[in-house]
């Protein structure tokens, strides 16, 4: 029998993001019923963020917007982006979780991108559309995403979000250990 419920408000209507939030919180709070809903929320950045900074900001903006709407225990956002790193272009996501005014930010693993995909993104296209054209799929961003396509579904967009959310929950599970966070 479930002991309690936890309500989540996700800053997206994308079913992959909503399912990832539900799965992550269900894995951490095993004895709780997870009530999860999504809503459209503004990122304040480009539809296809092209830097780590913009991707992070987009996730935080979406989570804070959800927080401003109220009505949940946790406010969650996931923002996918791309950047060019030391080893080449890659896609990744930032996640943001707000609980009782406290913000925790995390980042997913990164997936190397083929140069021609990155070039198309530099020309203003969105990753989901580029991958749909390349792999002859339809709306892959509401399925396994570029991660699923490029890893033969060994990993997916959803699994990447789920892991990042679980890790970002650590400071909220043990706030006394994270009070004086310095680098």
N, C-alpha and C. Protein backbone atom coordinates (compact mmCIF):
# COMPACT_ATOMS: atom_id res chain seq x y z
N UNK A 1 0.84 -1.17 0.00
CA UNK A 1 0.00 0.00 0.00
C UNK A 1 0.89 1.25 0.00
N UNK A 2 0.50 2.22 -0.81
CA UNK A 2 1.25 3.47 -0.89
C UNK A 2 1.04 4.27 0.39
N UNK A 3 2.12 4.87 0.90
CA UNK A 3 2.02 5.64 2.13
C UNK A 3 1.59 7.07 1.89
N UNK A 4 2.05 7.66 0.81
CA UNK A 4 1.78 9.07 0.56
C UNK A 4 1.85 9.31 -0.94
N UNK A 5 1.54 10.52 -1.30
CA UNK A 5 1.67 10.87 -2.72
C UNK A 5 2.59 12.09 -2.84
N UNK A 6 3.25 12.17 -3.98
CA UNK A 6 4.10 13.30 -4.33
C UNK A 6 3.60 13.82 -5.67
N UNK A 7 3.37 15.12 -5.73
CA UNK A 7 2.89 15.71 -6.98
C UNK A 7 4.03 16.41 -7.70
N UNK A 8 4.07 16.20 -9.01
CA UNK A 8 5.08 16.78 -9.87
C UNK A 8 4.43 17.63 -10.94
N UNK A 9 5.01 18.77 -11.23
CA UNK A 9 4.59 19.59 -12.36
C UNK A 9 5.80 19.72 -13.27
N UNK A 10 5.69 19.16 -14.46
CA UNK A 10 6.78 19.13 -15.43
C UNK A 10 6.57 20.25 -16.45
N UNK A 11 7.62 20.99 -16.73
CA UNK A 11 7.55 22.11 -17.66
C UNK A 11 7.60 21.69 -19.10
N UNK A 12 6.72 20.78 -19.49
CA UNK A 12 6.62 20.30 -20.87
C UNK A 12 5.35 19.46 -21.01
N UNK A 13 4.83 19.42 -22.23
CA UNK A 13 3.73 18.50 -22.52
C UNK A 13 4.24 17.29 -23.30
N UNK A 14 5.54 17.21 -23.51
CA UNK A 14 6.15 16.08 -24.21
C UNK A 14 6.00 14.82 -23.35
N UNK A 15 5.35 13.79 -23.88
CA UNK A 15 5.13 12.58 -23.08
C UNK A 15 6.42 11.89 -22.62
N UNK A 16 7.52 12.03 -23.36
CA UNK A 16 8.79 11.45 -22.95
C UNK A 16 9.29 12.11 -21.68
N UNK A 17 9.19 13.43 -21.60
CA UNK A 17 9.66 14.15 -20.42
C UNK A 17 8.78 13.87 -19.21
N UNK A 18 7.49 13.82 -19.40
CA UNK A 18 6.56 13.53 -18.31
C UNK A 18 6.80 12.12 -17.77
N UNK A 19 6.97 11.16 -18.67
CA UNK A 19 7.23 9.78 -18.25
C UNK A 19 8.57 9.66 -17.53
N UNK A 20 9.57 10.39 -17.99
CA UNK A 20 10.90 10.35 -17.34
C UNK A 20 10.81 10.87 -15.91
N UNK A 21 10.07 11.95 -15.71
CA UNK A 21 9.91 12.50 -14.36
C UNK A 21 9.19 11.50 -13.46
N UNK A 22 8.13 10.92 -13.96
CA UNK A 22 7.38 9.93 -13.18
C UNK A 22 8.27 8.73 -12.83
N UNK A 23 9.04 8.26 -13.79
CA UNK A 23 9.92 7.11 -13.56
C UNK A 23 11.03 7.44 -12.56
N UNK A 24 11.65 8.60 -12.70
CA UNK A 24 12.74 8.98 -11.79
C UNK A 24 12.24 9.09 -10.36
N UNK A 25 11.13 9.79 -10.16
CA UNK A 25 10.62 9.97 -8.81
C UNK A 25 10.08 8.66 -8.25
N UNK A 26 9.51 7.82 -9.11
CA UNK A 26 9.06 6.51 -8.66
C UNK A 26 10.21 5.62 -8.20
N UNK A 27 11.35 5.76 -8.85
CA UNK A 27 12.53 4.98 -8.47
C UNK A 27 13.10 5.43 -7.13
N UNK A 28 13.02 6.73 -6.86
CA UNK A 28 13.57 7.28 -5.62
C UNK A 28 12.58 7.15 -4.46
N UNK A 29 11.32 7.46 -4.73
CA UNK A 29 10.29 7.43 -3.69
C UNK A 29 9.39 6.22 -3.92
N UNK A 30 9.94 5.06 -3.65
CA UNK A 30 9.28 3.79 -3.98
C UNK A 30 7.95 3.57 -3.26
N UNK A 31 7.78 4.14 -2.08
CA UNK A 31 6.56 3.92 -1.31
C UNK A 31 5.51 5.01 -1.50
N UNK A 32 5.74 5.88 -2.48
CA UNK A 32 4.81 6.99 -2.72
C UNK A 32 4.12 6.85 -4.07
N UNK A 33 2.91 7.32 -4.10
CA UNK A 33 2.20 7.44 -5.36
C UNK A 33 2.72 8.72 -6.03
N UNK A 34 3.12 8.63 -7.28
CA UNK A 34 3.64 9.77 -8.01
C UNK A 34 2.54 10.33 -8.91
N UNK A 35 2.11 11.54 -8.61
CA UNK A 35 1.10 12.23 -9.40
C UNK A 35 1.83 13.23 -10.28
N UNK A 36 1.80 13.01 -11.58
CA UNK A 36 2.64 13.78 -12.49
C UNK A 36 1.81 14.36 -13.62
N UNK A 37 1.99 15.65 -13.84
CA UNK A 37 1.33 16.29 -14.98
C UNK A 37 2.30 17.27 -15.62
N UNK A 38 2.06 17.53 -16.89
CA UNK A 38 2.91 18.46 -17.62
C UNK A 38 2.15 19.70 -18.02
N UNK A 39 2.91 20.73 -18.29
CA UNK A 39 2.31 21.97 -18.78
C UNK A 39 3.31 22.65 -19.70
N UNK A 40 2.82 23.41 -20.60
CA UNK A 40 3.69 24.20 -21.48
C UNK A 40 4.34 25.29 -20.65
N UNK A 41 5.64 25.45 -20.79
CA UNK A 41 6.34 26.49 -20.04
C UNK A 41 7.44 27.08 -20.91
N UNK A 42 7.63 28.39 -20.82
CA UNK A 42 8.63 29.05 -21.66
C UNK A 42 10.05 28.80 -21.15
N UNK A 43 10.95 28.59 -22.12
CA UNK A 43 12.35 28.37 -21.75
C UNK A 43 13.14 29.68 -21.72
N UNK A 44 12.70 30.66 -22.49
CA UNK A 44 13.44 31.92 -22.57
C UNK A 44 14.71 31.81 -23.41
N UNK A 45 14.91 30.65 -24.05
CA UNK A 45 16.06 30.46 -24.94
C UNK A 45 15.54 29.96 -26.30
N UNK A 46 16.44 29.82 -27.25
CA UNK A 46 16.06 29.33 -28.58
C UNK A 46 15.44 27.94 -28.49
N UNK A 47 14.59 27.61 -29.48
CA UNK A 47 13.99 26.27 -29.52
C UNK A 47 15.06 25.19 -29.54
N UNK A 48 16.18 25.48 -30.18
CA UNK A 48 17.31 24.55 -30.19
C UNK A 48 18.50 25.23 -29.54
N UNK A 49 18.66 25.09 -28.22
CA UNK A 49 19.81 25.70 -27.56
C UNK A 49 21.12 25.14 -28.12
N UNK A 50 22.05 26.04 -28.38
CA UNK A 50 23.31 25.66 -29.02
C UNK A 50 24.52 25.77 -28.09
N UNK A 51 24.29 26.05 -26.80
CA UNK A 51 25.39 26.13 -25.84
C UNK A 51 24.96 25.49 -24.53
N UNK A 52 25.94 25.11 -23.74
CA UNK A 52 25.66 24.58 -22.40
C UNK A 52 24.91 25.61 -21.57
N UNK A 53 25.36 26.87 -21.67
CA UNK A 53 24.77 27.93 -20.85
C UNK A 53 23.30 28.14 -21.17
N UNK A 54 22.96 28.21 -22.48
CA UNK A 54 21.56 28.39 -22.86
C UNK A 54 20.71 27.18 -22.48
N UNK A 55 21.27 26.00 -22.62
CA UNK A 55 20.52 24.79 -22.28
C UNK A 55 20.20 24.77 -20.79
N UNK A 56 21.19 25.07 -19.97
CA UNK A 56 21.00 25.12 -18.52
C UNK A 56 19.96 26.18 -18.15
N UNK A 57 20.10 27.37 -18.73
CA UNK A 57 19.17 28.46 -18.46
C UNK A 57 17.74 28.08 -18.85
N UNK A 58 17.59 27.41 -19.98
CA UNK A 58 16.26 26.98 -20.41
C UNK A 58 15.59 26.05 -19.42
N UNK A 59 16.35 25.11 -18.87
CA UNK A 59 15.79 24.19 -17.87
C UNK A 59 15.39 24.94 -16.61
N UNK A 60 16.26 25.83 -16.15
CA UNK A 60 15.95 26.59 -14.93
C UNK A 60 14.73 27.48 -15.15
N UNK A 61 14.68 28.16 -16.28
CA UNK A 61 13.53 29.03 -16.57
C UNK A 61 12.22 28.25 -16.58
N UNK A 62 12.23 27.08 -17.19
CA UNK A 62 11.01 26.27 -17.24
C UNK A 62 10.59 25.80 -15.84
N UNK A 63 11.55 25.35 -15.05
CA UNK A 63 11.22 24.88 -13.69
C UNK A 63 10.71 26.03 -12.83
N UNK A 64 11.34 27.18 -12.92
CA UNK A 64 10.90 28.34 -12.13
C UNK A 64 9.51 28.81 -12.59
N UNK A 65 9.23 28.73 -13.88
CA UNK A 65 7.90 29.09 -14.37
C UNK A 65 6.86 28.15 -13.75
N UNK A 66 7.14 26.86 -13.75
CA UNK A 66 6.22 25.90 -13.14
C UNK A 66 6.02 26.22 -11.66
N UNK A 67 7.11 26.55 -10.99
CA UNK A 67 7.02 26.91 -9.57
C UNK A 67 6.08 28.10 -9.39
N UNK A 68 6.14 29.06 -10.29
CA UNK A 68 5.28 30.25 -10.17
C UNK A 68 3.81 29.91 -10.35
N UNK A 69 3.52 28.76 -10.96
CA UNK A 69 2.13 28.32 -11.16
C UNK A 69 1.61 27.59 -9.93
N UNK A 70 2.52 27.05 -9.12
CA UNK A 70 2.13 26.35 -7.89
C UNK A 70 1.41 25.04 -8.15
N UNK A 71 0.88 24.47 -7.09
CA UNK A 71 0.04 23.28 -7.20
C UNK A 71 0.78 21.96 -7.27
N UNK A 72 2.04 21.91 -6.84
CA UNK A 72 2.78 20.65 -6.85
C UNK A 72 3.84 20.67 -5.75
N UNK A 73 4.34 19.50 -5.44
CA UNK A 73 5.43 19.39 -4.47
C UNK A 73 6.78 19.68 -5.11
N UNK A 74 6.94 19.23 -6.35
CA UNK A 74 8.19 19.41 -7.10
C UNK A 74 7.87 19.99 -8.48
N UNK A 75 8.74 20.87 -8.92
CA UNK A 75 8.62 21.50 -10.23
C UNK A 75 9.85 21.11 -11.03
N UNK A 76 9.63 20.55 -12.20
CA UNK A 76 10.70 19.87 -12.93
C UNK A 76 10.75 20.36 -14.37
N UNK A 77 11.97 20.48 -14.89
CA UNK A 77 12.13 20.79 -16.31
C UNK A 77 13.35 20.08 -16.86
N UNK A 78 13.27 19.77 -18.14
CA UNK A 78 14.36 19.14 -18.89
C UNK A 78 14.54 19.93 -20.17
N UNK A 79 15.75 20.30 -20.46
CA UNK A 79 16.04 21.08 -21.68
C UNK A 79 17.16 20.39 -22.43
N UNK A 80 16.86 19.94 -23.64
CA UNK A 80 17.88 19.33 -24.49
C UNK A 80 18.63 20.41 -25.26
N UNK A 81 19.91 20.22 -25.44
CA UNK A 81 20.72 21.17 -26.17
C UNK A 81 21.91 20.51 -26.82
N UNK A 82 22.69 21.31 -27.50
CA UNK A 82 23.91 20.84 -28.15
C UNK A 82 25.02 21.85 -27.91
N UNK A 83 26.23 21.38 -28.04
CA UNK A 83 27.39 22.27 -27.96
C UNK A 83 28.54 21.55 -28.63
N UNK A 84 29.59 22.29 -28.90
CA UNK A 84 30.79 21.70 -29.46
C UNK A 84 31.83 21.64 -28.33
N UNK A 85 32.23 20.42 -28.00
CA UNK A 85 33.16 20.18 -26.90
C UNK A 85 34.55 19.87 -27.44
N UNK A 86 35.46 19.66 -26.54
CA UNK A 86 36.84 19.33 -26.91
C UNK A 86 36.91 18.15 -27.88
N UNK A 87 36.02 17.16 -27.71
CA UNK A 87 36.02 15.97 -28.56
C UNK A 87 35.00 16.03 -29.69
N UNK A 88 34.38 17.17 -29.90
CA UNK A 88 33.43 17.33 -31.00
C UNK A 88 32.03 17.67 -30.51
N UNK A 89 31.10 17.82 -31.47
CA UNK A 89 29.74 18.20 -31.11
C UNK A 89 29.00 17.07 -30.40
N UNK A 90 28.11 17.45 -29.48
CA UNK A 90 27.33 16.47 -28.73
C UNK A 90 26.01 17.08 -28.30
N UNK A 91 25.06 16.21 -28.04
CA UNK A 91 23.79 16.62 -27.47
C UNK A 91 23.71 16.09 -26.04
N UNK A 92 22.96 16.78 -25.21
CA UNK A 92 22.84 16.49 -23.78
C UNK A 92 21.61 17.22 -23.30
N UNK A 93 21.28 17.06 -22.04
CA UNK A 93 20.15 17.79 -21.46
C UNK A 93 20.54 18.30 -20.08
N UNK A 94 19.99 19.43 -19.73
CA UNK A 94 20.04 19.89 -18.36
C UNK A 94 18.68 19.63 -17.75
N UNK A 95 18.67 19.30 -16.47
CA UNK A 95 17.43 19.13 -15.73
C UNK A 95 17.45 20.08 -14.55
N UNK A 96 16.29 20.57 -14.18
CA UNK A 96 16.15 21.46 -13.03
C UNK A 96 14.98 20.97 -12.20
N UNK A 97 15.19 20.93 -10.90
CA UNK A 97 14.15 20.52 -9.96
C UNK A 97 14.05 21.60 -8.89
N UNK A 98 12.83 22.06 -8.63
CA UNK A 98 12.60 23.02 -7.55
C UNK A 98 11.66 22.36 -6.54
N UNK A 99 12.07 22.43 -5.28
CA UNK A 99 11.27 21.88 -4.18
C UNK A 99 11.41 22.82 -2.99
N UNK A 100 10.28 23.34 -2.54
CA UNK A 100 10.26 24.27 -1.41
C UNK A 100 11.24 25.42 -1.62
N UNK A 101 11.26 25.94 -2.83
CA UNK A 101 12.09 27.08 -3.18
C UNK A 101 13.54 26.75 -3.49
N UNK A 102 13.95 25.54 -3.20
CA UNK A 102 15.34 25.12 -3.43
C UNK A 102 15.50 24.55 -4.83
N UNK A 103 16.55 24.97 -5.52
CA UNK A 103 16.82 24.54 -6.89
C UNK A 103 17.98 23.56 -6.92
N UNK A 104 17.80 22.48 -7.67
CA UNK A 104 18.89 21.55 -7.96
C UNK A 104 18.96 21.38 -9.47
N UNK A 105 20.16 21.49 -10.01
CA UNK A 105 20.38 21.39 -11.45
C UNK A 105 21.32 20.23 -11.73
N UNK A 106 21.01 19.46 -12.76
CA UNK A 106 21.87 18.35 -13.16
C UNK A 106 21.99 18.30 -14.68
N UNK A 107 22.88 17.46 -15.12
CA UNK A 107 23.08 17.32 -16.56
C UNK A 107 23.17 15.85 -16.92
N UNK A 108 22.64 15.52 -18.08
CA UNK A 108 22.68 14.14 -18.55
C UNK A 108 24.03 13.82 -19.15
N UNK A 109 24.20 12.56 -19.48
CA UNK A 109 25.35 12.16 -20.29
C UNK A 109 25.22 12.84 -21.65
N UNK A 110 26.32 12.90 -22.37
CA UNK A 110 26.26 13.53 -23.69
C UNK A 110 26.47 12.49 -24.77
N UNK A 111 25.81 12.70 -25.88
CA UNK A 111 25.88 11.82 -27.04
C UNK A 111 26.62 12.53 -28.16
N UNK A 112 27.72 11.97 -28.65
CA UNK A 112 28.40 12.59 -29.78
C UNK A 112 27.46 12.69 -30.99
N UNK A 113 27.53 13.81 -31.68
CA UNK A 113 26.70 14.01 -32.86
C UNK A 113 27.55 13.91 -34.13
N UNK A 114 26.97 13.32 -35.18
CA UNK A 114 27.67 13.33 -36.46
C UNK A 114 27.87 14.77 -36.93
N UNK A 115 29.01 15.06 -37.54
CA UNK A 115 29.28 16.43 -37.99
C UNK A 115 28.18 17.02 -38.87
N UNK A 116 27.60 16.22 -39.76
CA UNK A 116 26.56 16.79 -40.64
C UNK A 116 25.29 17.15 -39.87
N UNK A 117 25.01 16.44 -38.79
CA UNK A 117 23.87 16.79 -37.94
C UNK A 117 24.16 18.12 -37.24
N UNK A 118 25.34 18.26 -36.68
CA UNK A 118 25.70 19.51 -36.00
C UNK A 118 25.69 20.68 -36.97
N UNK A 119 26.15 20.46 -38.18
CA UNK A 119 26.15 21.53 -39.19
C UNK A 119 24.71 21.99 -39.48
N UNK A 120 23.79 21.05 -39.59
CA UNK A 120 22.38 21.41 -39.83
C UNK A 120 21.83 22.21 -38.65
N UNK A 121 22.23 21.87 -37.44
CA UNK A 121 21.78 22.62 -36.26
C UNK A 121 22.35 24.04 -36.28
N UNK A 122 23.59 24.18 -36.71
CA UNK A 122 24.20 25.50 -36.82
C UNK A 122 23.47 26.36 -37.85
N UNK A 123 22.81 25.72 -38.79
CA UNK A 123 22.05 26.44 -39.81
C UNK A 123 20.63 26.77 -39.35
N UNK A 124 20.30 26.43 -38.10
CA UNK A 124 19.01 26.82 -37.54
C UNK A 124 17.96 25.73 -37.43
N UNK A 125 18.29 24.50 -37.79
CA UNK A 125 17.33 23.41 -37.68
C UNK A 125 17.31 22.87 -36.25
N UNK A 126 16.24 22.15 -35.90
CA UNK A 126 16.14 21.51 -34.59
C UNK A 126 16.56 20.05 -34.71
N UNK A 127 17.16 19.53 -33.65
CA UNK A 127 17.71 18.18 -33.66
C UNK A 127 16.66 17.13 -34.05
N UNK A 128 15.48 17.20 -33.47
CA UNK A 128 14.44 16.22 -33.79
C UNK A 128 14.11 16.18 -35.27
N UNK A 129 14.01 17.34 -35.89
CA UNK A 129 13.68 17.41 -37.32
C UNK A 129 14.83 16.86 -38.17
N UNK A 130 16.06 17.18 -37.79
CA UNK A 130 17.22 16.69 -38.52
C UNK A 130 17.28 15.16 -38.44
N UNK A 131 17.05 14.62 -37.25
CA UNK A 131 17.09 13.17 -37.07
C UNK A 131 15.95 12.49 -37.81
N UNK A 132 14.75 13.09 -37.79
CA UNK A 132 13.63 12.53 -38.55
C UNK A 132 13.99 12.43 -40.03
N UNK A 133 14.59 13.47 -40.59
CA UNK A 133 14.97 13.46 -42.00
C UNK A 133 16.07 12.43 -42.27
N UNK A 134 17.03 12.34 -41.39
CA UNK A 134 18.17 11.44 -41.58
C UNK A 134 17.77 9.97 -41.47
N UNK A 135 16.87 9.65 -40.54
CA UNK A 135 16.49 8.26 -40.29
C UNK A 135 15.10 7.90 -40.81
N UNK A 136 14.46 8.85 -41.52
CA UNK A 136 13.12 8.62 -42.08
C UNK A 136 12.13 8.22 -40.98
N UNK A 137 12.13 9.00 -39.89
CA UNK A 137 11.20 8.78 -38.79
C UNK A 137 10.26 9.98 -38.70
N UNK A 138 9.26 9.86 -37.84
CA UNK A 138 8.31 10.94 -37.64
C UNK A 138 8.25 11.27 -36.15
N UNK A 139 8.55 12.52 -35.79
CA UNK A 139 8.45 13.02 -34.42
C UNK A 139 9.24 12.18 -33.42
N UNK A 140 10.49 11.92 -33.75
CA UNK A 140 11.34 11.10 -32.89
C UNK A 140 11.55 11.74 -31.52
N UNK A 141 11.39 13.06 -31.41
CA UNK A 141 11.59 13.69 -30.11
C UNK A 141 10.50 13.31 -29.11
N UNK A 142 9.40 12.74 -29.57
CA UNK A 142 8.37 12.23 -28.67
C UNK A 142 8.52 10.72 -28.50
N UNK A 143 9.67 10.20 -28.93
CA UNK A 143 9.97 8.76 -28.78
C UNK A 143 11.38 8.64 -28.20
N UNK A 144 12.22 7.84 -28.82
CA UNK A 144 13.57 7.60 -28.30
C UNK A 144 14.56 8.72 -28.54
N UNK A 145 14.20 9.67 -29.41
CA UNK A 145 15.07 10.80 -29.69
C UNK A 145 16.30 10.41 -30.48
N UNK A 146 17.18 11.39 -30.67
CA UNK A 146 18.45 11.15 -31.37
C UNK A 146 19.24 10.06 -30.65
N UNK A 147 19.15 10.04 -29.32
CA UNK A 147 19.89 9.05 -28.54
C UNK A 147 19.46 7.65 -28.94
N UNK A 148 18.16 7.42 -29.02
CA UNK A 148 17.67 6.11 -29.42
C UNK A 148 18.11 5.74 -30.82
N UNK A 149 17.99 6.68 -31.74
CA UNK A 149 18.37 6.39 -33.13
C UNK A 149 19.85 6.07 -33.26
N UNK A 150 20.70 6.83 -32.58
CA UNK A 150 22.14 6.66 -32.75
C UNK A 150 22.73 5.54 -31.90
N UNK A 151 21.96 4.99 -30.95
CA UNK A 151 22.46 3.89 -30.11
C UNK A 151 21.68 2.60 -30.33
N UNK A 152 20.93 2.50 -31.42
CA UNK A 152 20.09 1.32 -31.68
C UNK A 152 19.17 1.05 -30.50
N UNK A 153 18.68 2.13 -29.89
CA UNK A 153 17.76 2.10 -28.74
C UNK A 153 18.33 1.43 -27.50
N UNK A 154 19.66 1.31 -27.42
CA UNK A 154 20.28 0.82 -26.18
C UNK A 154 20.11 1.87 -25.09
N UNK A 155 20.06 3.12 -25.47
CA UNK A 155 19.72 4.24 -24.58
C UNK A 155 18.69 5.07 -25.33
N UNK A 156 17.90 5.83 -24.58
CA UNK A 156 16.88 6.68 -25.21
C UNK A 156 16.90 8.05 -24.57
N UNK A 157 16.19 8.95 -25.20
CA UNK A 157 16.03 10.28 -24.63
C UNK A 157 15.45 10.18 -23.23
N UNK A 158 14.44 9.35 -23.07
CA UNK A 158 13.80 9.19 -21.76
C UNK A 158 14.73 8.62 -20.71
N UNK A 159 15.54 7.62 -21.07
CA UNK A 159 16.45 7.03 -20.08
C UNK A 159 17.52 8.04 -19.66
N UNK A 160 17.92 8.89 -20.58
CA UNK A 160 18.90 9.93 -20.26
C UNK A 160 18.31 10.94 -19.28
N UNK A 161 17.07 11.36 -19.52
CA UNK A 161 16.41 12.29 -18.61
C UNK A 161 16.20 11.66 -17.23
N UNK A 162 15.77 10.40 -17.22
CA UNK A 162 15.49 9.72 -15.96
C UNK A 162 16.73 9.68 -15.07
N UNK A 163 17.85 9.27 -15.65
CA UNK A 163 19.08 9.19 -14.86
C UNK A 163 19.50 10.57 -14.35
N UNK A 164 19.44 11.59 -15.21
CA UNK A 164 19.82 12.94 -14.79
C UNK A 164 18.93 13.44 -13.66
N UNK A 165 17.64 13.16 -13.72
CA UNK A 165 16.72 13.59 -12.66
C UNK A 165 17.01 12.88 -11.34
N UNK A 166 17.27 11.59 -11.40
CA UNK A 166 17.58 10.85 -10.17
C UNK A 166 18.82 11.46 -9.52
N UNK A 167 19.84 11.73 -10.30
CA UNK A 167 21.07 12.30 -9.74
C UNK A 167 20.84 13.71 -9.20
N UNK A 168 20.01 14.50 -9.89
CA UNK A 168 19.73 15.87 -9.43
C UNK A 168 18.91 15.89 -8.14
N UNK A 169 18.27 14.78 -7.82
CA UNK A 169 17.50 14.71 -6.57
C UNK A 169 18.39 14.54 -5.34
N UNK A 170 19.65 14.13 -5.51
CA UNK A 170 20.53 13.86 -4.36
C UNK A 170 20.58 15.02 -3.37
N UNK A 171 20.77 16.27 -3.80
CA UNK A 171 20.82 17.37 -2.82
C UNK A 171 19.51 17.57 -2.06
N UNK A 172 18.40 17.13 -2.65
CA UNK A 172 17.11 17.28 -1.97
C UNK A 172 16.86 16.14 -0.99
N UNK A 173 17.48 15.00 -1.26
CA UNK A 173 17.36 13.86 -0.36
C UNK A 173 18.25 14.01 0.86
N UNK A 174 19.35 14.75 0.71
CA UNK A 174 20.33 14.93 1.79
C UNK A 174 20.74 16.40 1.88
N UNK A 175 19.79 17.29 2.14
CA UNK A 175 20.11 18.73 2.12
C UNK A 175 21.20 19.13 3.10
N UNK A 176 21.30 18.42 4.22
CA UNK A 176 22.32 18.77 5.22
C UNK A 176 23.74 18.57 4.68
N UNK A 177 23.89 17.71 3.69
CA UNK A 177 25.21 17.46 3.11
C UNK A 177 25.57 18.48 2.03
N UNK A 178 24.59 19.21 1.56
CA UNK A 178 24.81 20.14 0.44
C UNK A 178 24.64 21.59 0.84
N UNK A 179 24.56 21.88 2.13
CA UNK A 179 24.30 23.24 2.57
C UNK A 179 25.36 24.23 2.12
N UNK A 180 26.61 23.87 2.19
CA UNK A 180 27.70 24.77 1.82
C UNK A 180 28.37 24.25 0.55
N UNK A 181 27.66 24.29 -0.54
CA UNK A 181 28.17 23.78 -1.80
C UNK A 181 29.16 24.76 -2.41
N UNK A 182 30.41 24.35 -2.49
CA UNK A 182 31.45 25.19 -3.10
C UNK A 182 32.29 24.35 -4.03
N UNK A 183 32.93 25.01 -4.94
CA UNK A 183 33.84 24.31 -5.87
C UNK A 183 35.25 24.80 -5.65
